Amino acid sequence: MRPLPWPVVLASASPRRQELLRRLVPEFDVVPAHVDEDALTVEDPFVTAQKLAREKALVVASSRPESLVVAGDTVVALQNGNGWRQLAKPIDEADAVAMLNLLAGRTHTVVTGVCLRWPGGLSAFTEASQVTFRALKMGEAEAYVATGSPMDKAGAYGLQDGSQSFVEKVEGSVTNVIGLPMERLEEAFVSLTAKK
């Protein structure tokens, strides 16, 4: 990939997103975006993820207009009858345990919205992966939650830590489940460098 023509800013404090982005962009600034996530959450997890990513990109771009701002937001969702139940970050340990037990033995959808904002342009997309959890044994969710790891993650788990053993199968991008769909992001970067 050719070098990007602007300085890059990641609009996220997530260590996972920083680690993933570093695979494509060795140097970038981190400027977390603070938005009211509840106010931007709607029934459709695809719309929620893209709205949140877009808003985060615009917030950071207002202070860094000369940069390429990369923003992402990940939503964990279960189909619930004709609609969706979206799982945000847990509010406490009991909430985290409840989320993990809800996901146990079921397949859920992980949607990441990505927004790129650069001088003179904006592009946004979503990527979805299907994740199947195995049935959990008694005490497994509680033991994982006690590590503190799930407390800052949508759906109360992260593929890159101790919950990996809960996952039976991932269909689609694994990096999408971690927080940034790297395959799609690299395509977007290549497209941007081709335009310049």
Protein backbone atom coordinates (compact mmCIF):
# COMPACT_ATOMS: atom_id res chain seq x y z
CA MET A 1 0.00 0.00 0.00
CA ARG A 2 1.29 3.48 -0.87
CA PRO A 3 1.68 5.94 2.02
CA LEU A 4 -1.46 7.89 2.84
CA PRO A 5 -1.29 11.56 1.80
CA TRP A 6 -2.46 12.94 5.16
CA PRO A 7 -1.49 12.45 8.79
CA VAL A 8 -3.72 9.77 10.31
CA VAL A 9 -5.77 10.13 13.49
CA LEU A 10 -7.59 7.27 15.17
CA ALA A 11 -10.75 8.50 16.89
CA SER A 12 -10.65 5.76 19.54
CA ALA A 13 -8.89 5.01 22.81
CA SER A 14 -9.37 1.27 22.22
CA PRO A 15 -6.03 -0.59 22.53
CA ARG A 16 -7.42 -3.25 20.18
CA ARG A 17 -8.18 -0.74 17.42
CA GLN A 18 -4.78 0.89 17.89
CA GLU A 19 -3.04 -2.47 17.54
CA LEU A 20 -5.03 -3.35 14.42
CA LEU A 21 -4.52 0.02 12.71
CA ARG A 22 -0.78 -0.21 13.36
CA ARG A 23 -0.70 -3.14 10.91
CA LEU A 24 -1.50 -0.71 8.08
CA VAL A 25 -0.30 2.64 9.42
CA PRO A 26 2.86 2.55 11.56
CA GLU A 27 2.38 6.09 12.93
CA PHE A 28 -0.84 7.84 13.86
CA ASP A 29 -2.25 10.04 16.60
CA VAL A 30 -4.96 8.89 18.98
CA VAL A 31 -7.74 11.38 19.71
CA PRO A 32 -10.69 9.68 21.42
CA ALA A 33 -14.11 10.99 20.41
CA HIS A 34 -16.72 11.47 23.09
CA VAL A 35 -20.29 11.15 21.82
CA ASP A 36 -23.61 10.27 23.43
CA GLU A 37 -23.85 6.67 22.26
CA ASP A 38 -27.32 6.11 23.75
CA ALA A 39 -28.72 9.06 21.79
CA LEU A 40 -27.38 7.62 18.52
CA THR A 41 -28.55 4.03 19.09
CA VAL A 42 -31.43 2.96 16.86
CA GLU A 43 -33.27 -0.35 16.26
CA ASP A 44 -30.98 -1.48 13.43
CA PRO A 45 -27.43 -2.37 14.61
CA PHE A 46 -26.00 -1.63 11.15
CA VAL A 47 -27.38 1.92 11.27
CA THR A 48 -26.27 2.33 14.90
CA ALA A 49 -22.69 1.27 14.16
CA GLN A 50 -22.38 3.53 11.13
CA LYS A 51 -24.00 6.54 12.85
CA LEU A 52 -21.68 6.21 15.84
CA ALA A 53 -18.57 5.86 13.67
CA ARG A 54 -19.60 8.84 11.53
CA GLU A 55 -20.30 11.06 14.53
CA LYS A 56 -16.97 10.13 16.13
CA ALA A 57 -15.11 10.91 12.89
CA LEU A 58 -16.80 14.30 12.55
CA VAL A 59 -16.13 15.25 16.19
CA VAL A 60 -12.40 14.55 15.83
CA ALA A 61 -12.17 16.03 12.32
CA SER A 62 -13.44 19.35 13.66
CA SER A 63 -10.18 19.72 15.61
CA ARG A 64 -7.97 17.88 13.07
CA PRO A 65 -9.31 19.02 9.65
CA GLU A 66 -5.99 18.41 7.87
CA SER A 67 -5.92 14.72 8.84
CA LEU A 68 -7.41 11.44 7.74
CA VAL A 69 -9.59 10.50 10.71
CA VAL A 70 -10.38 6.82 11.19
CA ALA A 71 -13.34 6.10 13.47
CA GLY A 72 -15.00 2.82 14.32
CA ASP A 73 -17.76 1.51 16.50
CA THR A 74 -18.66 -2.11 17.16
CA VAL A 75 -22.15 -3.35 18.02
CA VAL A 76 -22.97 -6.86 19.25
CA ALA A 77 -26.53 -7.84 18.33
CA LEU A 78 -28.85 -10.82 18.69
CA GLN A 79 -31.85 -11.30 16.42
CA ASN A 80 -34.91 -11.13 18.63
CA GLY A 81 -38.09 -12.17 16.82
CA ASN A 82 -38.44 -9.62 14.01
CA GLY A 83 -35.99 -7.16 15.56
CA TRP A 84 -32.62 -6.91 17.23
CA ARG A 85 -31.30 -6.76 20.77
CA GLN A 86 -28.09 -4.76 20.91
CA LEU A 87 -25.55 -5.39 23.64
CA ALA A 88 -23.45 -2.38 24.62
CA LYS A 89 -20.57 -2.32 27.09
CA PRO A 90 -21.67 -3.84 30.41
CA ILE A 91 -22.61 -1.41 33.16
CA ASP A 92 -21.30 -3.70 35.92
CA GLU A 93 -20.10 -7.26 36.53
CA ALA A 94 -23.62 -8.69 36.89
CA ASP A 95 -24.57 -7.15 33.53
CA ALA A 96 -21.45 -8.67 31.92
CA VAL A 97 -22.28 -12.15 33.27
CA ALA A 98 -25.87 -11.80 32.03
CA MET A 99 -24.67 -10.83 28.54
CA LEU A 100 -22.30 -13.80 28.31
CA ASN A 101 -25.01 -16.21 29.46
CA LEU A 102 -27.39 -14.69 26.90
CA LEU A 103 -24.82 -15.30 24.10
CA ALA A 104 -23.98 -18.83 25.29
CA GLY A 105 -25.01 -21.56 22.85
CA ARG A 106 -26.20 -19.03 20.26
CA THR A 107 -25.02 -17.23 17.14
CA HIS A 108 -24.90 -13.44 17.22
CA THR A 109 -23.89 -10.70 14.80
CA VAL A 110 -20.98 -8.35 15.34
CA VAL A 111 -21.29 -5.18 13.27
CA THR A 112 -18.49 -2.64 13.01
CA GLY A 113 -19.16 0.73 11.47
CA VAL A 114 -16.12 2.52 10.05
CA CYS A 115 -15.96 6.13 8.94
CA LEU A 116 -13.04 7.82 7.20
CA ARG A 117 -13.00 11.61 7.09
CA TRP A 118 -10.25 13.40 5.16
CA PRO A 119 -9.83 16.92 3.74
CA GLY A 120 -12.59 17.18 1.16
CA GLY A 121 -14.21 13.81 1.69
CA LEU A 122 -15.95 11.27 3.86
CA SER A 123 -16.64 7.56 3.43
CA ALA A 124 -18.43 5.11 5.71
CA PHE A 125 -19.22 1.40 5.65
CA THR A 126 -20.24 -1.47 7.89
CA GLU A 127 -18.91 -5.01 8.12
CA ALA A 128 -20.68 -7.92 9.83
CA SER A 129 -19.41 -11.21 11.20
CA GLN A 130 -21.37 -14.08 12.72
CA VAL A 131 -20.02 -15.44 16.01
CA THR A 132 -21.24 -18.68 17.60
CA PHE A 133 -20.65 -19.29 21.30
CA ARG A 134 -20.60 -22.79 22.74
CA ALA A 135 -22.68 -23.55 25.82
CA LEU A 136 -20.91 -22.24 28.91
CA LYS A 137 -20.26 -24.33 32.00
CA MET A 138 -21.37 -23.07 35.38
CA GLY A 139 -19.01 -20.39 36.67
CA GLU A 140 -17.18 -19.78 33.37
CA ALA A 141 -18.79 -16.42 32.71
CA GLU A 142 -18.21 -15.28 36.29
CA ALA A 143 -14.53 -16.33 36.19
CA TYR A 144 -13.95 -14.42 32.95
CA VAL A 145 -15.77 -11.33 34.21
CA ALA A 146 -13.66 -11.39 37.39
CA THR A 147 -10.57 -10.71 35.23
CA GLY A 148 -12.01 -7.26 34.41
CA SER A 149 -11.33 -7.78 30.72
CA PRO A 150 -14.92 -7.65 29.41
CA MET A 151 -15.93 -4.40 31.09
CA ASP A 152 -14.93 -2.12 28.19
CA LYS A 153 -16.21 -4.35 25.39
CA ALA A 154 -19.55 -4.46 23.60
CA GLY A 155 -21.22 -7.76 24.39
CA ALA A 156 -18.83 -8.24 27.36
CA TYR A 157 -16.17 -10.23 25.50
CA GLY A 158 -13.11 -9.85 23.31
CA LEU A 159 -11.79 -12.48 20.92
CA GLN A 160 -8.23 -11.58 21.80
CA ASP A 161 -8.47 -12.44 25.48
CA GLY A 162 -9.75 -15.19 27.79
CA SER A 163 -13.16 -15.46 26.16
CA GLN A 164 -11.68 -16.91 22.97
CA SER A 165 -12.42 -20.38 24.34
CA PHE A 166 -16.15 -19.50 24.43
CA VAL A 167 -16.22 -19.14 20.64
CA GLU A 168 -17.09 -22.16 18.54
CA LYS A 169 -17.05 -20.45 15.15
CA VAL A 170 -16.55 -17.08 13.46
CA GLU A 171 -18.01 -16.54 9.99
CA GLY A 172 -16.54 -13.47 8.35
CA SER A 173 -13.73 -11.14 9.37
CA VAL A 174 -12.09 -11.99 12.70
CA THR A 175 -10.54 -8.51 12.96
CA ASN A 176 -14.04 -7.08 12.55
CA VAL A 177 -15.03 -8.88 15.77
CA ILE A 178 -11.95 -7.44 17.50
CA GLY A 179 -12.85 -3.90 16.44
CA LEU A 180 -11.73 -3.00 12.89
CA PRO A 181 -12.40 -4.97 9.68
CA MET A 182 -8.86 -4.80 8.35
CA GLU A 183 -9.59 -6.27 4.92
CA ARG A 184 -12.19 -3.59 4.15
CA LEU A 185 -10.10 -0.84 5.76
CA GLU A 186 -7.08 -1.71 3.63
CA GLU A 187 -9.27 -1.61 0.49
CA ALA A 188 -10.52 1.84 1.52
CA PHE A 189 -6.97 3.10 2.10
CA VAL A 190 -5.81 1.76 -1.28
CA SER A 191 -8.76 3.49 -2.94
CA LEU A 192 -7.88 6.78 -1.20
CA THR A 193 -4.22 6.67 -2.28
CA ALA A 194 -5.29 5.91 -5.85
CA LYS A 195 -7.45 9.07 -5.90
CA LYS A 196 -4.61 11.33 -4.77
